[in-house]
Amino acid sequence: MAAQRTARVQPPLAPIPPAYRPEVLRLVYALLPLLLRWRLVGWLPAGITRLELVNGAPLFHLLEQFRQGRCRLLLAFRHSAVDDPLCGLWLFSRGLPPALRPQPVHFLYDRGMPLWAGRPLGWLLSRLGGVSLRRGRHPDWSALRQARALMRDGPFPFAVAPEGATNGLGHGLGPLEPGSARLALWCRDDLRRAGRAETVWIVPIGIQYRYPDAPWPRLERLLGRLERQMGLPPLPLPPLPRPPSSAAAGASGFPGADPLPERCRQRLLRLGEHLLSALEGFYGRFGEGEGERSGEGERTGEGDGRPRRADQADHCDGRIAGLQDRVLRLAEARLAVRAAGTAPDRCRRLEEVAWRWIHREDLPPRRRLAPLQRFLADRAAAEASLALQHMRLVETFVAVSGGYLGRPGDGSAGGGPPEFERCADIALLLHDGLARLSGGALPARPRLGRRHARLVVAEPIRVDEPLPANPAADGPTRRQVEGLSAQLEERLRGCLP
């Protein structure tokens, strides 16, 4: 349905103004246990049965200082999954000490979320205190002015996701957007210019998910479904292991190991190799430099169903990056967008240009268009929608690397059998990618089992560098933004499992 809508010209994409309503927040807090445990919305897997807060004392202290008017707070949440906002709601409604809860917050959210999840989500997020941001519009002054004012004078702390988007990898941090550091530095400078004594703090908060039961059989069933979708024969079962002697265990590196984790790793590597080869073969026929990878699938053994050697993971990252570039160039050519920056930067730029062709600000309402104008506007929207589909495929795998699953005995991912969570991350991303290829706008992820969530508060960052040399300059220097972003990234990395 969403794809059909974007294939036709739409009204302009206006910002959604924040309209905080405490009664809406109380209702969401009351429904939170159901949202965490059950799948009430198709695209929100949840199934989180336990949550805990680690090292919460610094956060508690700063919240008390904020309520006393002695500081301004920016809460920077790690963002790897669509369930992360539910964990934040749990923190503010149940994870804080009774004297500090409930704690409302203002926050930034992507203006595109109501496009793929439905208009009611935009209504809800605005009433929870959210500010809508168009990530690809540089700069989105409307959203930035609202966020800057709320960060400086708002009644609640301000929450952001410095990564800007989910990457689907619980053990990997995506590149940080500079906006979080810039917002904190703006607030510091605004306060000093106004002669106010509040201190600005950034509180990094990591979110970790764990499957306490490690349901390998469920993961095997998902892998079997992916193999059938890709046309791969089942991987032959390994022989049943004998009880290992001490010498044999030392040689294998897995004393008494269950063969199922290693089998899942091999199946995931085979699935990833097959999908990568198939996409290289497909996109090698289109776009710029189409002859560069012609026959790529034949050279890599596309479709033979054989598992690859583990040492080939060293060369996987270059192939992934090359494929991402090829797909993005194809989408950029459709929309006449210049290729520049990192893959996430290019994705955001493509998204913004596509929205401009779909949500036309230069045309009257659709009902007032002459038939010829409407036909051409719909054709342009359909072209932009197709470019978005290519971009979304890159976005799904933007953070995947060849070594994420680790290899036996090399020290990565522990140097032993792969962790269930790492295998689940890659399997679910493969599921999302196939759903994108089938034209789905909202991949409904299967549930692999119940999950536990840990929220880890890192050491807060005090934003107390001096003002720029030129007091009249409106904005922090690039050096300040990059330095604060690097510090925030280091603290968030420390929160990874």
Protein backbone atom coordinates (compact mmCIF):
# COMPACT_ATOMS: atom_id res chain seq x y z
CA MET A 1 0.00 0.00 0.00
CA ALA A 2 2.81 2.45 0.89
CA ALA A 3 4.55 1.72 -2.42
CA GLN A 4 1.31 2.40 -4.31
CA ARG A 5 0.89 5.73 -2.55
CA THR A 6 4.43 6.91 -3.36
CA ALA A 7 3.95 5.98 -7.04
CA ARG A 8 1.58 8.95 -7.29
CA VAL A 9 2.25 12.59 -6.60
CA GLN A 10 1.43 13.56 -3.00
CA PRO A 11 0.78 16.82 -1.12
CA PRO A 12 3.82 18.72 0.24
CA LEU A 13 5.58 17.11 3.19
CA ALA A 14 4.99 19.70 5.89
CA PRO A 15 6.74 19.49 9.28
CA ILE A 16 4.74 18.08 12.18
CA PRO A 17 4.83 20.64 15.01
CA PRO A 18 5.36 19.34 18.56
CA ALA A 19 2.11 19.32 20.53
CA TYR A 20 2.91 17.67 23.86
CA ARG A 21 -0.12 16.23 25.68
CA PRO A 22 0.50 14.71 29.14
CA GLU A 23 -2.64 12.57 28.92
CA VAL A 24 -1.33 10.89 25.74
CA LEU A 25 1.98 10.16 27.46
CA ARG A 26 0.19 8.65 30.46
CA LEU A 27 -1.83 6.40 28.14
CA VAL A 28 1.32 5.19 26.36
CA TYR A 29 3.01 4.50 29.69
CA ALA A 30 -0.03 2.46 30.77
CA LEU A 31 0.06 0.40 27.55
CA LEU A 32 3.83 -0.06 27.63
CA PRO A 33 3.85 -3.56 29.23
CA LEU A 34 1.65 -4.82 26.38
CA LEU A 35 3.79 -3.09 23.74
CA LEU A 36 6.94 -4.63 25.18
CA ARG A 37 5.65 -8.18 25.43
CA TRP A 38 3.21 -8.57 22.52
CA ARG A 39 3.33 -7.69 18.84
CA LEU A 40 0.55 -5.12 18.60
CA VAL A 41 2.07 -3.48 15.50
CA GLY A 42 3.34 -5.58 12.59
CA TRP A 43 6.68 -3.76 12.14
CA LEU A 44 7.48 -3.66 15.88
CA PRO A 45 8.77 -7.09 16.98
CA ALA A 46 9.21 -6.34 20.73
CA GLY A 47 8.90 -9.58 22.78
CA ILE A 48 11.01 -7.96 25.52
CA THR A 49 10.30 -9.70 28.82
CA ARG A 50 12.92 -8.11 31.07
CA LEU A 51 14.64 -4.74 31.24
CA GLU A 52 17.35 -3.46 33.55
CA LEU A 53 19.29 -0.24 34.02
CA VAL A 54 23.05 -0.37 34.61
CA ASN A 55 25.00 2.51 36.23
CA GLY A 56 21.96 4.74 36.54
CA ALA A 57 23.32 6.91 39.36
CA PRO A 58 24.90 9.60 37.11
CA LEU A 59 21.64 9.92 35.18
CA PHE A 60 19.59 10.18 38.38
CA HIS A 61 21.88 12.91 39.73
CA LEU A 62 21.72 14.97 36.54
CA LEU A 63 17.94 14.66 36.32
CA GLU A 64 17.71 16.08 39.84
CA GLN A 65 20.04 18.91 38.80
CA PHE A 66 17.88 19.56 35.73
CA ARG A 67 14.72 19.82 37.82
CA GLN A 68 16.48 22.34 40.04
CA GLY A 69 17.36 24.47 37.00
CA ARG A 70 21.12 23.90 37.35
CA CYS A 71 21.82 22.12 34.05
CA ARG A 72 20.49 21.28 30.61
CA LEU A 73 20.46 17.65 29.51
CA LEU A 74 20.93 15.90 26.17
CA LEU A 75 20.24 12.16 26.41
CA ALA A 76 22.09 10.35 23.59
CA PHE A 77 20.65 6.87 23.00
CA ARG A 78 22.34 4.07 21.06
CA HIS A 79 19.94 3.14 18.24
CA SER A 80 20.29 -0.31 16.65
CA ALA A 81 16.67 -1.52 16.48
CA VAL A 82 13.13 -0.19 16.03
CA ASP A 83 12.34 -1.41 19.56
CA ASP A 84 14.74 1.10 21.14
CA PRO A 85 12.08 3.79 21.78
CA LEU A 86 10.13 1.26 23.87
CA CYS A 87 13.19 0.79 26.06
CA GLY A 88 13.45 4.57 26.44
CA LEU A 89 9.79 4.75 27.46
CA TRP A 90 10.43 2.03 30.05
CA LEU A 91 13.36 4.01 31.44
CA PHE A 92 11.35 7.21 31.84
CA SER A 93 8.24 5.51 33.22
CA ARG A 94 9.60 2.60 35.32
CA GLY A 95 13.39 2.53 35.32
CA LEU A 96 13.96 5.76 37.27
CA PRO A 97 13.57 6.12 41.06
CA PRO A 98 9.97 6.89 42.10
CA ALA A 99 10.82 10.52 42.90
CA LEU A 100 11.98 11.13 39.32
CA ARG A 101 9.27 9.38 37.35
CA PRO A 102 7.46 9.73 35.15
CA GLN A 103 9.93 11.88 33.22
CA PRO A 104 8.72 13.35 29.91
CA VAL A 105 11.33 14.20 27.27
CA HIS A 106 11.47 16.12 24.03
CA PHE A 107 13.10 14.25 21.16
CA LEU A 108 13.92 14.28 17.46
CA TYR A 109 12.39 11.77 15.06
CA ASP A 110 12.60 11.21 11.32
CA ARG A 111 9.84 12.95 9.37
CA GLY A 112 9.66 9.88 7.12
CA MET A 113 8.45 7.57 9.88
CA PRO A 114 4.75 8.49 9.43
CA LEU A 115 5.18 7.83 5.69
CA TRP A 116 6.02 4.15 6.11
CA ALA A 117 4.27 3.49 9.43
CA GLY A 118 1.10 5.54 8.93
CA ARG A 119 -0.08 9.06 9.76
CA PRO A 120 -1.28 8.10 13.27
CA LEU A 121 2.35 7.59 14.28
CA GLY A 122 3.14 11.21 13.43
CA TRP A 123 0.17 12.36 15.51
CA LEU A 124 1.35 10.22 18.43
CA LEU A 125 5.01 11.26 18.30
CA SER A 126 4.13 14.95 18.21
CA ARG A 127 1.90 14.55 21.30
CA LEU A 128 4.70 12.76 23.12
CA GLY A 129 6.90 15.83 22.66
CA GLY A 130 8.70 14.93 19.43
CA VAL A 131 10.16 17.28 16.83
CA SER A 132 10.06 16.01 13.22
CA LEU A 133 13.33 16.28 11.28
CA ARG A 134 13.96 15.76 7.56
CA ARG A 135 17.30 13.99 7.74
CA GLY A 136 18.28 14.60 4.13
CA ARG A 137 17.51 18.32 4.11
CA HIS A 138 20.71 20.22 4.96
CA PRO A 139 19.90 22.08 7.00
CA ASP A 140 16.30 21.53 8.12
CA TRP A 141 16.11 24.92 9.79
CA SER A 142 12.51 24.54 10.94
CA ALA A 143 13.32 21.43 13.00
CA LEU A 144 16.68 22.76 14.17
CA ARG A 145 15.20 26.00 15.47
CA GLN A 146 12.57 24.07 17.42
CA ALA A 147 15.12 21.62 18.81
CA ARG A 148 17.54 24.41 19.73
CA ALA A 149 14.84 26.32 21.59
CA LEU A 150 13.65 23.22 23.47
CA MET A 151 17.19 22.20 24.35
CA ARG A 152 17.80 25.67 25.80
CA ASP A 153 14.45 26.47 27.42
CA GLY A 154 12.25 23.37 27.24
CA PRO A 155 10.69 21.98 30.43
CA PHE A 156 12.08 18.48 29.77
CA PRO A 157 15.44 16.95 28.85
CA PHE A 158 16.08 16.43 25.13
CA ALA A 159 16.67 12.93 23.71
CA VAL A 160 18.43 12.10 20.42
CA ALA A 161 19.81 9.09 18.56
CA PRO A 162 23.29 10.26 17.44
CA GLU A 163 23.53 7.51 14.78
CA GLY A 164 20.51 8.99 13.01
CA ALA A 165 19.13 5.59 11.93
CA THR A 166 19.11 1.95 12.96
CA ASN A 167 21.76 -0.41 11.62
CA GLY A 168 20.34 -3.72 12.90
CA LEU A 169 23.64 -4.72 14.56
CA GLY A 170 23.58 -5.01 18.33
CA HIS A 171 27.39 -5.34 18.49
CA GLY A 172 28.25 -2.55 16.06
CA LEU A 173 28.00 1.24 16.30
CA GLY A 174 27.11 3.19 13.19
CA PRO A 175 28.77 6.51 12.29
CA LEU A 176 27.45 9.40 14.35
CA GLU A 177 25.70 12.36 12.80
CA PRO A 178 27.18 15.73 13.84
CA GLY A 179 23.79 17.11 14.86
CA SER A 180 23.88 15.82 18.44
CA ALA A 181 27.18 17.51 19.24
CA ARG A 182 26.11 20.67 17.44
CA LEU A 183 22.85 20.83 19.42
CA ALA A 184 24.72 20.58 22.74
CA LEU A 185 27.27 23.21 21.70
CA TRP A 186 24.53 25.56 20.50
CA CYS A 187 22.85 25.24 23.88
CA ARG A 188 26.12 25.99 25.71
CA ASP A 189 26.77 29.09 23.60
CA ASP A 190 23.15 30.32 23.87
CA LEU A 191 23.25 30.00 27.65
CA ARG A 192 26.52 31.90 27.96
CA ARG A 193 25.35 34.67 25.68
CA ALA A 194 22.23 35.01 27.82
CA GLY A 195 24.32 35.15 30.99
CA ARG A 196 22.84 31.90 32.34
CA ALA A 197 24.89 29.63 34.60
CA GLU A 198 23.44 26.20 33.68
CA THR A 199 25.89 23.53 32.61
CA VAL A 200 25.21 21.43 29.51
CA TRP A 201 25.62 17.66 29.87
CA ILE A 202 25.40 14.81 27.38
CA VAL A 203 24.41 11.45 28.87
CA PRO A 204 25.33 8.52 26.53
CA ILE A 205 22.99 5.55 26.99
CA GLY A 206 23.59 2.19 25.32
CA ILE A 207 20.87 -0.40 24.69
CA GLN A 208 21.81 -4.09 24.54
CA TYR A 209 19.51 -6.99 23.62
CA ARG A 210 20.06 -10.61 24.58
CA TYR A 211 18.18 -13.82 23.89
CA PRO A 212 18.39 -15.61 27.28
CA ASP A 213 17.30 -18.97 25.82
CA ALA A 214 19.52 -18.78 22.68
CA PRO A 215 16.82 -20.46 20.51
CA TRP A 216 19.09 -21.96 17.82
CA PRO A 217 16.33 -24.25 16.43
CA ARG A 218 14.13 -21.21 15.67
CA LEU A 219 17.05 -19.54 13.96
CA GLU A 220 17.59 -22.71 11.92
CA ARG A 221 13.99 -22.59 10.74
CA LEU A 222 14.43 -18.96 9.64
CA LEU A 223 17.61 -19.90 7.80
CA GLY A 224 15.76 -22.73 6.05
CA ARG A 225 13.12 -20.25 4.89
CA LEU A 226 15.81 -17.89 3.58
CA GLU A 227 17.52 -20.75 1.75
CA ARG A 228 14.27 -21.68 0.04
CA GLN A 229 13.70 -18.05 -0.99
CA MET A 230 17.18 -17.91 -2.49
CA GLY A 231 16.85 -21.29 -4.18
CA LEU A 232 19.65 -22.92 -2.20
CA PRO A 233 19.62 -26.63 -1.30
CA PRO A 234 19.85 -27.49 2.40
CA LEU A 235 23.36 -27.55 3.81
CA PRO A 236 24.33 -31.18 4.52
CA LEU A 237 24.20 -32.07 8.20
CA PRO A 238 27.61 -32.62 9.80
CA PRO A 239 28.32 -36.03 11.36
CA LEU A 240 27.34 -36.36 14.99
CA PRO A 241 30.32 -35.39 17.14
CA ARG A 242 32.03 -37.92 19.35
CA PRO A 243 32.66 -37.09 22.99
CA PRO A 244 35.81 -34.99 22.66
CA SER A 245 39.05 -36.01 24.30
CA SER A 246 41.20 -33.28 25.75
CA ALA A 247 43.60 -33.47 22.78
CA ALA A 248 40.80 -33.35 20.22
CA ALA A 249 39.11 -30.50 22.04
CA GLY A 250 42.31 -28.53 22.05
CA ALA A 251 42.76 -29.10 18.32
CA SER A 252 39.22 -28.04 17.45
CA GLY A 253 39.16 -25.03 19.73
CA PHE A 254 35.58 -25.85 20.87
CA PRO A 255 35.80 -28.22 23.86
CA GLY A 256 32.45 -29.96 24.16
CA ALA A 257 30.97 -27.48 21.67
CA ASP A 258 27.49 -27.81 20.27
CA PRO A 259 27.87 -28.06 16.45
CA LEU A 260 24.66 -26.07 15.87
CA PRO A 261 26.16 -22.55 16.32
CA GLU A 262 28.96 -23.27 13.87
CA ARG A 263 26.49 -24.78 11.41
CA CYS A 264 24.36 -21.61 11.62
CA ARG A 265 27.45 -19.54 10.97
CA GLN A 266 28.23 -21.55 7.85
CA ARG A 267 24.66 -21.27 6.60
CA LEU A 268 24.68 -17.50 7.15
CA LEU A 269 27.98 -17.12 5.32
CA ARG A 270 26.61 -19.17 2.43
CA LEU A 271 23.38 -17.13 2.33
CA GLY A 272 25.29 -13.86 2.43
CA GLU A 273 27.66 -14.96 -0.32
CA HIS A 274 24.80 -16.10 -2.54
CA LEU A 275 22.79 -12.91 -2.08
CA LEU A 276 25.88 -10.73 -2.63
CA SER A 277 26.76 -12.58 -5.84
CA ALA A 278 23.18 -12.42 -7.11
CA LEU A 279 22.97 -8.67 -6.46
CA GLU A 280 26.35 -8.09 -8.08
CA GLY A 281 25.15 -9.95 -11.14
CA PHE A 282 21.86 -8.03 -11.26
CA TYR A 283 23.20 -4.53 -10.66
CA GLY A 284 26.19 -5.24 -12.91
CA ARG A 285 23.79 -5.01 -15.83
CA PHE A 286 22.68 -1.46 -14.99
CA GLY A 287 24.13 1.94 -14.30
CA GLU A 288 27.57 3.40 -14.75
CA GLY A 289 30.50 1.12 -15.52
CA GLU A 290 28.21 -1.79 -16.24
CA GLY A 291 31.02 -3.90 -17.63
CA GLU A 292 33.19 -3.71 -14.52
CA ARG A 293 31.51 -6.62 -12.78
CA SER A 294 29.91 -8.46 -15.65
CA GLY A 295 30.17 -12.15 -14.92
CA GLU A 296 30.84 -11.47 -11.23
CA GLY A 297 28.38 -14.14 -10.26
CA GLU A 298 30.18 -16.68 -12.47
CA ARG A 299 33.56 -15.84 -10.94
CA THR A 300 32.31 -16.18 -7.39
CA GLY A 301 30.37 -19.37 -8.05
CA GLU A 302 26.92 -17.78 -7.91
CA GLY A 303 24.21 -20.35 -7.23
CA ASP A 304 26.43 -23.39 -6.66
CA GLY A 305 25.28 -23.69 -3.05
CA ARG A 306 28.74 -24.45 -1.69
CA PRO A 307 29.85 -22.88 1.61
CA ARG A 308 32.78 -20.46 1.29
CA ARG A 309 36.04 -20.65 3.18
CA ALA A 310 36.09 -18.50 6.31
CA ASP A 311 39.16 -16.59 5.11
CA GLN A 312 37.13 -15.12 2.23
CA ALA A 313 35.39 -12.88 4.78
CA ASP A 314 38.52 -10.68 4.58
CA HIS A 315 37.55 -9.70 1.03
CA CYS A 316 33.84 -9.34 1.68
CA ASP A 317 33.87 -5.73 2.87
CA GLY A 318 35.27 -4.45 -0.44
CA ARG A 319 32.62 -6.32 -2.40
CA ILE A 320 29.86 -4.95 -0.17
CA ALA A 321 31.16 -1.39 -0.53
CA GLY A 322 31.43 -1.80 -4.32
CA LEU A 323 27.89 -3.11 -4.56
CA GLN A 324 26.55 -0.29 -2.39
CA ASP A 325 28.26 2.25 -4.65
CA ARG A 326 26.81 0.62 -7.77
CA VAL A 327 23.26 0.56 -6.38
CA LEU A 328 23.47 4.15 -5.15
CA ARG A 329 24.86 5.35 -8.51
CA LEU A 330 21.92 3.76 -10.26
CA ALA A 331 19.47 5.53 -7.94
CA GLU A 332 21.39 8.81 -8.20
CA ALA A 333 21.34 8.61 -12.00
CA ARG A 334 17.55 8.26 -11.97
CA LEU A 335 17.19 11.43 -9.91
CA ALA A 336 20.17 13.41 -11.25
CA VAL A 337 21.84 13.50 -7.83
CA ARG A 338 25.59 14.00 -7.48
CA ALA A 339 27.44 11.13 -5.78
CA ALA A 340 29.35 12.50 -2.79
CA GLY A 341 30.06 11.47 0.78
CA THR A 342 29.62 8.23 2.65
CA ALA A 343 26.93 5.67 1.87
CA PRO A 344 24.65 6.98 4.69
CA ASP A 345 25.12 10.55 3.42
CA ARG A 346 24.18 9.50 -0.10
CA CYS A 347 21.13 7.62 1.18
CA ARG A 348 19.89 10.70 3.03
CA ARG A 349 20.44 12.93 -0.01
CA LEU A 350 18.59 10.50 -2.28
CA GLU A 351 15.71 10.29 0.18
CA GLU A 352 15.32 14.05 0.29
CA VAL A 353 15.41 14.47 -3.52
CA ALA A 354 12.93 11.62 -3.96
CA TRP A 355 10.57 13.21 -1.45
CA ARG A 356 10.70 16.44 -3.41
CA TRP A 357 9.51 14.61 -6.54
CA ILE A 358 6.82 12.69 -4.65
CA HIS A 359 5.63 15.44 -2.27
CA ARG A 360 5.56 18.33 -4.72
CA GLU A 361 5.79 21.81 -3.29
CA ASP A 362 5.80 23.46 -6.73
CA LEU A 363 2.40 22.18 -7.89
CA PRO A 364 -1.19 22.96 -6.89
CA PRO A 365 -3.27 20.21 -5.24
CA ARG A 366 -3.70 17.08 -7.33
CA ARG A 367 -7.38 17.70 -8.00
CA ARG A 368 -6.53 21.04 -9.64
CA LEU A 369 -3.94 19.61 -12.03
CA ALA A 370 -4.77 19.18 -15.70
CA PRO A 371 -4.72 15.52 -16.76
CA LEU A 372 -1.42 15.91 -18.62
CA GLN A 373 0.24 17.57 -15.60
CA ARG A 374 -1.10 14.87 -13.31
CA PHE A 375 0.14 12.07 -15.59
CA LEU A 376 3.63 13.56 -15.73
CA ALA A 377 3.72 14.27 -11.99
CA ASP A 378 2.69 10.68 -11.27
CA ARG A 379 5.38 9.40 -13.65
CA ALA A 380 8.03 11.48 -11.84
CA ALA A 381 6.77 10.20 -8.47
CA ALA A 382 6.96 6.61 -9.71
CA GLU A 383 10.57 7.13 -10.87
CA ALA A 384 11.47 8.62 -7.49
CA SER A 385 9.75 5.74 -5.70
CA LEU A 386 11.81 3.22 -7.65
CA ALA A 387 15.02 5.08 -6.77
CA LEU A 388 13.97 4.93 -3.12
CA GLN A 389 13.58 1.16 -3.36
CA HIS A 390 17.18 0.85 -4.55
CA MET A 391 18.34 3.16 -1.78
CA ARG A 392 16.44 1.22 0.91
CA LEU A 393 18.28 -1.93 -0.08
CA VAL A 394 21.61 -0.22 0.59
CA GLU A 395 20.25 1.22 3.81
CA THR A 396 19.37 -2.28 5.04
CA PHE A 397 22.95 -3.54 4.77
CA VAL A 398 24.82 -0.26 5.26
CA ALA A 399 26.66 -1.42 8.42
CA VAL A 400 27.20 -5.12 7.58
CA SER A 401 30.81 -6.31 7.49
CA GLY A 402 32.39 -9.61 6.52
CA GLY A 403 33.81 -10.24 9.98
CA TYR A 404 30.71 -9.57 12.08
CA LEU A 405 30.07 -13.29 12.65
CA GLY A 406 33.71 -13.97 13.48
CA ARG A 407 35.72 -16.99 12.42
CA PRO A 408 36.84 -20.06 14.34
CA GLY A 409 40.00 -19.46 16.30
CA ASP A 410 40.80 -15.93 15.04
CA GLY A 411 39.72 -14.10 18.18
CA SER A 412 36.89 -12.17 16.55
CA ALA A 413 33.55 -12.49 18.28
CA GLY A 414 35.39 -14.36 21.02
CA GLY A 415 37.33 -16.71 18.71
CA GLY A 416 34.92 -19.56 19.37
CA PRO A 417 31.39 -20.53 18.41
CA PRO A 418 29.42 -17.46 17.20
CA GLU A 419 27.15 -15.69 19.64
CA PHE A 420 23.47 -16.24 19.04
CA GLU A 421 22.80 -12.50 18.99
CA ARG A 422 25.30 -11.91 16.17
CA CYS A 423 23.84 -14.72 14.08
CA ALA A 424 20.31 -13.42 14.73
CA ASP A 425 21.31 -9.89 13.65
CA ILE A 426 22.61 -11.08 10.27
CA ALA A 427 19.72 -13.49 9.67
CA LEU A 428 17.15 -10.77 10.35
CA LEU A 429 18.96 -8.31 8.07
CA LEU A 430 18.92 -10.92 5.31
CA HIS A 431 15.18 -11.32 5.93
CA ASP A 432 14.75 -7.53 5.67
CA GLY A 433 16.75 -7.40 2.44
CA LEU A 434 14.63 -10.06 0.76
CA ALA A 435 11.48 -8.28 1.95
CA ARG A 436 12.78 -5.06 0.38
CA LEU A 437 13.50 -6.86 -2.89
CA SER A 438 9.95 -8.21 -2.94
CA GLY A 439 8.63 -4.65 -2.78
CA GLY A 440 7.63 -4.63 0.89
CA ALA A 441 7.81 -1.26 2.63
CA LEU A 442 7.58 -2.62 6.19
CA PRO A 443 9.54 -5.85 6.75
CA ALA A 444 7.65 -7.72 9.50
CA ARG A 445 10.52 -9.44 11.26
CA PRO A 446 9.90 -12.93 12.67
CA ARG A 447 10.33 -13.40 16.38
CA LEU A 448 13.18 -15.69 17.33
CA GLY A 449 12.34 -15.78 21.02
CA ARG A 450 11.99 -13.66 24.12
CA ARG A 451 14.59 -10.96 24.69
CA HIS A 452 16.12 -9.14 27.62
CA ALA A 453 17.23 -5.51 27.33
CA ARG A 454 19.95 -3.69 29.27
CA LEU A 455 20.25 0.09 29.29
CA VAL A 456 23.81 1.09 30.15
CA VAL A 457 24.54 4.67 31.22
CA ALA A 458 28.06 5.73 30.25
CA GLU A 459 30.04 8.48 31.93
CA PRO A 460 28.30 11.81 31.15
CA ILE A 461 30.09 14.43 29.06
CA ARG A 462 30.27 17.99 30.32
CA VAL A 463 30.10 20.47 27.46
CA ASP A 464 32.24 23.27 28.83
CA GLU A 465 34.63 24.38 26.10
CA PRO A 466 34.93 28.17 25.72
CA LEU A 467 32.99 30.21 23.20
CA PRO A 468 34.43 30.57 19.69
CA ALA A 469 37.06 33.29 19.21
CA ASN A 470 34.47 35.39 17.38
CA PRO A 471 31.56 35.87 19.86
CA ALA A 472 29.30 37.06 17.05
CA ALA A 473 29.65 33.77 15.19
CA ASP A 474 26.38 31.85 15.31
CA GLY A 475 27.46 28.28 15.81
CA PRO A 476 30.28 26.13 17.14
CA THR A 477 33.45 25.54 15.16
CA ARG A 478 33.99 22.38 13.13
CA ARG A 479 36.80 21.36 15.48
CA GLN A 480 34.49 21.57 18.47
CA VAL A 481 31.77 19.54 16.76
CA GLU A 482 34.19 16.84 15.63
CA GLY A 483 35.89 16.66 19.02
CA LEU A 484 32.62 16.33 20.93
CA SER A 485 31.29 13.76 18.44
CA ALA A 486 34.46 11.68 18.86
CA GLN A 487 34.09 11.79 22.63
CA LEU A 488 30.44 10.75 22.41
CA GLU A 489 31.31 7.92 20.01
CA GLU A 490 33.94 6.61 22.42
CA ARG A 491 31.46 6.56 25.30
CA LEU A 492 28.78 4.82 23.22
CA ARG A 493 31.28 2.20 22.03
CA GLY A 494 31.98 1.46 25.65
CA CYS A 495 28.30 0.51 26.03
CA LEU A 496 28.43 -2.20 23.36
CA PRO A 497 28.15 -5.83 24.53
